[in-house]
């Protein structure tokens, strides 16, 4: 008989290892995070989640999503933007999204189904929106986690390419105006979802592990 608690501990270990590597700069480990999250949480006609096997779909998970009270056309609820200018004398810079991790505006425990399906963590206006389930399944099933599709879902692809967000800086030398899209929106969002899972006491209790 399969020990589903042990299987859950295994997936948590995978998540911990990928988080460590992500934080060391290996950002594509976020796709591996998506695979482990899918195993833990996703149910379909062909697969049963570990949460379902453990009859634990009513647990509470940590949400750190900064969701505005009034609807906005664009919102990235789990990440913050950072800009790197190596040399202010040169017209070169990069901008990226990073997971907020402990720098939280919100810390609330909500029912799993709300956490997984209802909260919108990426809002792109006319280009659609993503909840945690959408993000995880697109990364795991379409973008190389467990399979590579010929085409990515439109909203996920838009997110992957910067979520329509860019920064413009005017420099005194070289090209006077430089625009750059924000990178790693999908990776950073997945890393923050993993943070939420690892800091949800009911997940730790379910796996008989201590909080990390």
C-alpha atoms as a PDB file:
ATOM      1  CA  UNK A   1       0.000   0.000   0.000  1.00  0.00           C
ATOM      2  CA  UNK A   2       1.293   3.437  -0.901  1.00  0.00           C
ATOM      3  CA  UNK A   3       2.195   5.701   2.012  1.00  0.00           C
ATOM      4  CA  UNK A   4       0.693   9.009   0.875  1.00  0.00           C
ATOM      5  CA  UNK A   5       2.183  10.942   3.775  1.00  0.00           C
ATOM      6  CA  UNK A   6       5.603   9.770   2.714  1.00  0.00           C
ATOM      7  CA  UNK A   7       4.808  10.778  -0.855  1.00  0.00           C
ATOM      8  CA  UNK A   8       3.814  14.235   0.412  1.00  0.00           C
ATOM      9  CA  UNK A   9       7.077  14.497   2.335  1.00  0.00           C
ATOM     10  CA  UNK A  10       8.915  13.650  -0.880  1.00  0.00           C
ATOM     11  CA  UNK A  11       7.190  16.425  -2.815  1.00  0.00           C
ATOM     12  CA  UNK A  12       7.907  18.913  -0.034  1.00  0.00           C
ATOM     13  CA  UNK A  13      11.567  17.906  -0.167  1.00  0.00           C
ATOM     14  CA  UNK A  14      11.545  18.490  -3.925  1.00  0.00           C
ATOM     15  CA  UNK A  15      10.057  21.937  -3.335  1.00  0.00           C
ATOM     16  CA  UNK A  16      12.616  22.794  -0.652  1.00  0.00           C
ATOM     17  CA  UNK A  17      15.502  21.756  -2.914  1.00  0.00           C
ATOM     18  CA  UNK A  18      14.172  23.697  -5.891  1.00  0.00           C
ATOM     19  CA  UNK A  19      13.559  26.778  -3.736  1.00  0.00           C
ATOM     20  CA  UNK A  20      17.150  26.657  -2.535  1.00  0.00           C
ATOM     21  CA  UNK A  21      18.457  26.388  -6.089  1.00  0.00           C
ATOM     22  CA  UNK A  22      16.113  29.152  -7.267  1.00  0.00           C
ATOM     23  CA  UNK A  23      17.387  31.450  -4.532  1.00  0.00           C
ATOM     24  CA  UNK A  24      20.935  30.673  -5.622  1.00  0.00           C
ATOM     25  CA  UNK A  25      20.117  31.984  -9.086  1.00  0.00           C
ATOM     26  CA  UNK A  26      18.798  28.931 -10.940  1.00  0.00           C
ATOM     27  CA  UNK A  27      15.473  30.533 -11.794  1.00  0.00           C
ATOM     28  CA  UNK A  28      14.246  27.782 -14.106  1.00  0.00           C
ATOM     29  CA  UNK A  29      13.892  25.552 -11.042  1.00  0.00           C
ATOM     30  CA  UNK A  30      10.507  27.282 -10.789  1.00  0.00           C
ATOM     31  CA  UNK A  31       9.255  24.877 -13.464  1.00  0.00           C
ATOM     32  CA  UNK A  32      10.207  21.952 -11.229  1.00  0.00           C
ATOM     33  CA  UNK A  33       8.296  23.643  -8.425  1.00  0.00           C
ATOM     34  CA  UNK A  34       5.235  23.603 -10.657  1.00  0.00           C
ATOM     35  CA  UNK A  35       5.525  19.837 -11.155  1.00  0.00           C
ATOM     36  CA  UNK A  36       5.659  19.142  -7.419  1.00  0.00           C
ATOM     37  CA  UNK A  37       2.768  21.524  -6.778  1.00  0.00           C
ATOM     38  CA  UNK A  38       0.717  19.773  -9.439  1.00  0.00           C
ATOM     39  CA  UNK A  39       1.331  16.387  -7.823  1.00  0.00           C
ATOM     40  CA  UNK A  40       0.234  17.756  -4.466  1.00  0.00           C
ATOM     41  CA  UNK A  41      -2.858  19.684  -5.522  1.00  0.00           C
ATOM     42  CA  UNK A  42      -4.236  18.891  -8.983  1.00  0.00           C
ATOM     43  CA  UNK A  43      -7.090  16.447  -9.587  1.00  0.00           C
ATOM     44  CA  UNK A  44      -8.256  15.367 -13.026  1.00  0.00           C
ATOM     45  CA  UNK A  45      -9.920  12.383 -14.702  1.00  0.00           C
ATOM     46  CA  UNK A  46      -6.504  10.813 -15.106  1.00  0.00           C
ATOM     47  CA  UNK A  47      -4.773  11.753 -11.850  1.00  0.00           C
ATOM     48  CA  UNK A  48      -5.518  12.159  -8.158  1.00  0.00           C
ATOM     49  CA  UNK A  49      -3.718  14.717  -6.017  1.00  0.00           C
ATOM     50  CA  UNK A  50      -1.955  13.809  -2.814  1.00  0.00           C
ATOM     51  CA  UNK A  51      -4.324  16.129  -0.988  1.00  0.00           C
ATOM     52  CA  UNK A  52      -7.256  14.095  -2.290  1.00  0.00           C
ATOM     53  CA  UNK A  53      -5.575  10.806  -1.382  1.00  0.00           C
ATOM     54  CA  UNK A  54      -5.099  12.153   2.137  1.00  0.00           C
ATOM     55  CA  UNK A  55      -8.687  13.472   2.252  1.00  0.00           C
ATOM     56  CA  UNK A  56      -7.375  16.912   3.111  1.00  0.00           C
ATOM     57  CA  UNK A  57      -9.028  19.220   0.577  1.00  0.00           C
ATOM     58  CA  UNK A  58     -10.512  21.289   3.412  1.00  0.00           C
ATOM     59  CA  UNK A  59      -7.194  22.484   4.856  1.00  0.00           C
ATOM     60  CA  UNK A  60      -6.098  26.123   5.031  1.00  0.00           C
ATOM     61  CA  UNK A  61      -3.076  27.436   3.134  1.00  0.00           C
ATOM     62  CA  UNK A  62      -1.134  30.649   3.488  1.00  0.00           C
ATOM     63  CA  UNK A  63      -1.986  33.400   1.017  1.00  0.00           C
ATOM     64  CA  UNK A  64       0.443  36.275   0.584  1.00  0.00           C
ATOM     65  CA  UNK A  65      -1.324  37.642  -2.502  1.00  0.00           C
ATOM     66  CA  UNK A  66      -1.579  41.426  -2.469  1.00  0.00           C
ATOM     67  CA  UNK A  67      -5.002  41.719  -4.085  1.00  0.00           C
ATOM     68  CA  UNK A  68      -6.372  45.277  -4.419  1.00  0.00           C
ATOM     69  CA  UNK A  69      -9.774  45.984  -2.876  1.00  0.00           C
ATOM     70  CA  UNK A  70     -10.886  47.698  -6.076  1.00  0.00           C
ATOM     71  CA  UNK A  71     -10.453  45.792  -9.358  1.00  0.00           C
ATOM     72  CA  UNK A  72      -7.446  46.828 -11.405  1.00  0.00           C
ATOM     73  CA  UNK A  73      -6.687  46.154 -15.047  1.00  0.00           C
ATOM     74  CA  UNK A  74      -3.223  44.826 -14.165  1.00  0.00           C
ATOM     75  CA  UNK A  75      -1.945  43.308 -10.944  1.00  0.00           C
ATOM     76  CA  UNK A  76       0.886  40.922 -10.063  1.00  0.00           C
ATOM     77  CA  UNK A  77      -0.051  39.814  -6.566  1.00  0.00           C
ATOM     78  CA  UNK A  78       2.957  37.715  -5.520  1.00  0.00           C
ATOM     79  CA  UNK A  79       5.958  39.602  -6.858  1.00  0.00           C
ATOM     80  CA  UNK A  80       7.826  42.898  -6.721  1.00  0.00           C
ATOM     81  CA  UNK A  81       9.814  44.664  -9.428  1.00  0.00           C
ATOM     82  CA  UNK A  82      13.556  45.321  -9.284  1.00  0.00           C
ATOM     83  CA  UNK A  83      15.777  47.327 -11.634  1.00  0.00           C
ATOM     84  CA  UNK A  84      19.507  46.801 -12.166  1.00  0.00           C
ATOM     85  CA  UNK A  85      21.626  49.616 -13.645  1.00  0.00           C
ATOM     86  CA  UNK A  86      25.241  48.362 -13.757  1.00  0.00           C
ATOM     87  CA  UNK A  87      26.655  51.747 -14.733  1.00  0.00           C
ATOM     88  CA  UNK A  88      24.607  54.949 -14.691  1.00  0.00           C
ATOM     89  CA  UNK A  89      26.835  56.342 -17.444  1.00  0.00           C
ATOM     90  CA  UNK A  90      25.763  53.635 -19.890  1.00  0.00           C
ATOM     91  CA  UNK A  91      22.307  53.079 -21.435  1.00  0.00           C
ATOM     92  CA  UNK A  92      22.104  49.533 -20.110  1.00  0.00           C
ATOM     93  CA  UNK A  93      19.734  48.166 -17.504  1.00  0.00           C
ATOM     94  CA  UNK A  94      17.550  45.164 -16.734  1.00  0.00           C
ATOM     95  CA  UNK A  95      14.361  44.767 -14.781  1.00  0.00           C
ATOM     96  CA  UNK A  96      12.908  41.665 -13.239  1.00  0.00           C
ATOM     97  CA  UNK A  97      10.236  40.429 -10.881  1.00  0.00           C
ATOM     98  CA  UNK A  98      11.167  38.700  -7.647  1.00  0.00           C
ATOM     99  CA  UNK A  99       9.035  36.799  -5.141  1.00  0.00           C
ATOM    100  CA  UNK A 100       8.130  38.902  -2.123  1.00  0.00           C
ATOM    101  CA  UNK A 101       8.979  36.009   0.258  1.00  0.00           C
ATOM    102  CA  UNK A 102       8.958  37.435   3.830  1.00  0.00           C
ATOM    103  CA  UNK A 103       8.400  41.034   2.707  1.00  0.00           C
ATOM    104  CA  UNK A 104       4.655  40.601   2.980  1.00  0.00           C
ATOM    105  CA  UNK A 105       1.758  42.989   2.750  1.00  0.00           C
ATOM    106  CA  UNK A 106      -0.668  40.180   3.521  1.00  0.00           C
ATOM    107  CA  UNK A 107      -0.501  36.983   5.537  1.00  0.00           C
ATOM    108  CA  UNK A 108      -3.822  35.137   5.667  1.00  0.00           C
ATOM    109  CA  UNK A 109      -4.779  31.487   5.837  1.00  0.00           C
ATOM    110  CA  UNK A 110      -7.606  30.595   3.472  1.00  0.00           C
ATOM    111  CA  UNK A 111      -9.392  27.409   2.416  1.00  0.00           C
ATOM    112  CA  UNK A 112      -7.520  25.334  -0.128  1.00  0.00           C
ATOM    113  CA  UNK A 113     -10.099  25.668  -2.906  1.00  0.00           C
ATOM    114  CA  UNK A 114     -10.082  29.455  -2.595  1.00  0.00           C
ATOM    115  CA  UNK A 115      -6.289  29.475  -2.533  1.00  0.00           C
ATOM    116  CA  UNK A 116      -5.980  27.122  -5.513  1.00  0.00           C
ATOM    117  CA  UNK A 117      -8.800  28.230  -7.801  1.00  0.00           C
ATOM    118  CA  UNK A 118     -10.426  31.501  -6.737  1.00  0.00           C
ATOM    119  CA  UNK A 119      -7.687  34.018  -5.937  1.00  0.00           C
ATOM    120  CA  UNK A 120      -6.380  35.801  -9.014  1.00  0.00           C
ATOM    121  CA  UNK A 121      -2.628  36.202  -8.630  1.00  0.00           C
ATOM    122  CA  UNK A 122      -1.911  37.565 -12.120  1.00  0.00           C
ATOM    123  CA  UNK A 123      -4.335  40.027 -13.716  1.00  0.00           C
ATOM    124  CA  UNK A 124      -3.568  41.192 -17.239  1.00  0.00           C
ATOM    125  CA  UNK A 125      -6.775  43.000 -18.167  1.00  0.00           C
ATOM    126  CA  UNK A 126      -7.869  42.145 -21.703  1.00  0.00           C
ATOM    127  CA  UNK A 127      -5.160  39.463 -21.860  1.00  0.00           C
ATOM    128  CA  UNK A 128      -6.813  37.429 -19.108  1.00  0.00           C
ATOM    129  CA  UNK A 129      -5.908  36.343 -15.600  1.00  0.00           C
ATOM    130  CA  UNK A 130      -4.323  33.419 -13.781  1.00  0.00           C
ATOM    131  CA  UNK A 131      -5.053  31.774 -10.459  1.00  0.00           C
ATOM    132  CA  UNK A 132      -2.511  29.497  -8.798  1.00  0.00           C
ATOM    133  CA  UNK A 133      -3.926  26.415 -10.513  1.00  0.00           C
ATOM    134  CA  UNK A 134      -3.702  28.041 -13.955  1.00  0.00           C
ATOM    135  CA  UNK A 135      -0.102  29.094 -13.388  1.00  0.00           C
ATOM    136  CA  UNK A 136       1.045  25.741 -12.016  1.00  0.00           C
ATOM    137  CA  UNK A 137      -0.623  23.654 -14.735  1.00  0.00           C
ATOM    138  CA  UNK A 138       0.625  25.846 -17.568  1.00  0.00           C
ATOM    139  CA  UNK A 139       4.204  25.599 -16.305  1.00  0.00           C
ATOM    140  CA  UNK A 140       4.033  21.878 -15.523  1.00  0.00           C
ATOM    141  CA  UNK A 141       1.949  20.644 -18.464  1.00  0.00           C
ATOM    142  CA  UNK A 142       2.882  23.052 -21.256  1.00  0.00           C
ATOM    143  CA  UNK A 143       6.201  24.786 -20.513  1.00  0.00           C
ATOM    144  CA  UNK A 144       8.575  21.921 -19.893  1.00  0.00           C
ATOM    145  CA  UNK A 145       7.772  20.683 -16.401  1.00  0.00           C
ATOM    146  CA  UNK A 146       6.388  17.327 -17.521  1.00  0.00           C
ATOM    147  CA  UNK A 147       5.566  18.168 -21.130  1.00  0.00           C
ATOM    148  CA  UNK A 148       6.316  20.748 -23.805  1.00  0.00           C
ATOM    149  CA  UNK A 149       3.395  21.942 -25.915  1.00  0.00           C
ATOM    150  CA  UNK A 150       3.570  23.437 -29.386  1.00  0.00           C
ATOM    151  CA  UNK A 151       1.818  26.545 -28.042  1.00  0.00           C
ATOM    152  CA  UNK A 152       1.430  28.044 -24.590  1.00  0.00           C
ATOM    153  CA  UNK A 153      -1.834  29.370 -23.143  1.00  0.00           C
ATOM    154  CA  UNK A 154      -2.153  33.015 -24.171  1.00  0.00           C
ATOM    155  CA  UNK A 155      -2.296  34.521 -20.676  1.00  0.00           C
ATOM    156  CA  UNK A 156       0.592  32.401 -19.413  1.00  0.00           C
ATOM    157  CA  UNK A 157       2.659  33.253 -22.482  1.00  0.00           C
ATOM    158  CA  UNK A 158       1.955  36.956 -21.990  1.00  0.00           C
ATOM    159  CA  UNK A 159       3.026  36.585 -18.357  1.00  0.00           C
ATOM    160  CA  UNK A 160       6.193  34.749 -19.380  1.00  0.00           C
ATOM    161  CA  UNK A 161       7.095  37.596 -21.715  1.00  0.00           C
ATOM    162  CA  UNK A 162       6.763  40.292 -19.070  1.00  0.00           C
ATOM    163  CA  UNK A 163       3.038  40.557 -18.373  1.00  0.00           C
ATOM    164  CA  UNK A 164       2.862  43.607 -20.608  1.00  0.00           C
ATOM    165  CA  UNK A 165       4.942  45.577 -18.110  1.00  0.00           C
ATOM    166  CA  UNK A 166       8.023  47.516 -19.118  1.00  0.00           C
ATOM    167  CA  UNK A 167      10.212  50.259 -17.750  1.00  0.00           C
ATOM    168  CA  UNK A 168      11.450  53.257 -19.688  1.00  0.00           C
ATOM    169  CA  UNK A 169      14.584  55.146 -18.656  1.00  0.00           C
ATOM    170  CA  UNK A 170      16.005  58.239 -20.294  1.00  0.00           C
ATOM    171  CA  UNK A 171      19.812  58.273 -20.341  1.00  0.00           C
ATOM    172  CA  UNK A 172      22.071  61.236 -20.989  1.00  0.00           C
ATOM    173  CA  UNK A 173      24.459  59.207 -23.122  1.00  0.00           C
ATOM    174  CA  UNK A 174      23.835  56.764 -25.945  1.00  0.00           C
ATOM    175  CA  UNK A 175      20.185  56.118 -26.865  1.00  0.00           C
ATOM    176  CA  UNK A 176      18.268  58.707 -24.869  1.00  0.00           C
ATOM    177  CA  UNK A 177      15.308  56.452 -24.251  1.00  0.00           C
ATOM    178  CA  UNK A 178      15.484  52.735 -23.473  1.00  0.00           C
ATOM    179  CA  UNK A 179      12.538  50.430 -22.780  1.00  0.00           C
ATOM    180  CA  UNK A 180      12.845  47.023 -21.170  1.00  0.00           C
ATOM    181  CA  UNK A 181      10.170  44.424 -20.253  1.00  0.00           C
ATOM    182  CA  UNK A 182      10.118  42.886 -16.792  1.00  0.00           C
ATOM    183  CA  UNK A 183      11.525  39.365 -16.712  1.00  0.00           C
ATOM    184  CA  UNK A 184      10.733  36.258 -14.661  1.00  0.00           C
ATOM    185  CA  UNK A 185       7.139  37.116 -13.724  1.00  0.00           C
ATOM    186  CA  UNK A 186       6.040  33.474 -13.982  1.00  0.00           C
ATOM    187  CA  UNK A 187       9.138  32.093 -12.260  1.00  0.00           C
ATOM    188  CA  UNK A 188       8.910  34.540  -9.351  1.00  0.00           C
ATOM    189  CA  UNK A 189       5.193  33.909  -8.918  1.00  0.00           C
ATOM    190  CA  UNK A 190       5.766  30.144  -8.741  1.00  0.00           C
ATOM    191  CA  UNK A 191       8.541  30.661  -6.186  1.00  0.00           C
ATOM    192  CA  UNK A 192       6.149  32.668  -4.016  1.00  0.00           C
ATOM    193  CA  UNK A 193       3.474  29.972  -4.296  1.00  0.00           C
ATOM    194  CA  UNK A 194       6.082  27.506  -3.044  1.00  0.00           C
ATOM    195  CA  UNK A 195       6.865  29.870  -0.160  1.00  0.00           C
ATOM    196  CA  UNK A 196       3.189  29.842   0.782  1.00  0.00           C
ATOM    197  CA  UNK A 197       3.074  26.044   0.766  1.00  0.00           C
ATOM    198  CA  UNK A 198       6.214  25.670   2.866  1.00  0.00           C
ATOM    199  CA  UNK A 199       4.845  28.136   5.402  1.00  0.00           C
ATOM    200  CA  UNK A 200       1.397  26.581   5.743  1.00  0.00           C
ATOM    201  CA  UNK A 201       1.244  24.773   9.102  1.00  0.00           C
ATOM    202  CA  UNK A 202      -1.540  22.433   8.004  1.00  0.00           C
ATOM    203  CA  UNK A 203       0.609  21.126   5.147  1.00  0.00           C
ATOM    204  CA  UNK A 204       3.451  20.548   7.586  1.00  0.00           C
ATOM    205  CA  UNK A 205       1.097  18.788   9.996  1.00  0.00           C
ATOM    206  CA  UNK A 206      -0.367  16.674   7.215  1.00  0.00           C
ATOM    207  CA  UNK A 207       3.084  15.470   6.229  1.00  0.00           C
ATOM    208  CA  UNK A 208       4.198  15.146   9.859  1.00  0.00           C
ATOM    209  CA  UNK A 209       7.023  17.602   9.157  1.00  0.00           C
ATOM    210  CA  UNK A 210       8.059  20.704  11.000  1.00  0.00           C
ATOM    211  CA  UNK A 211       7.447  24.114   9.420  1.00  0.00           C
ATOM    212  CA  UNK A 212      10.300  25.364   7.230  1.00  0.00           C
END
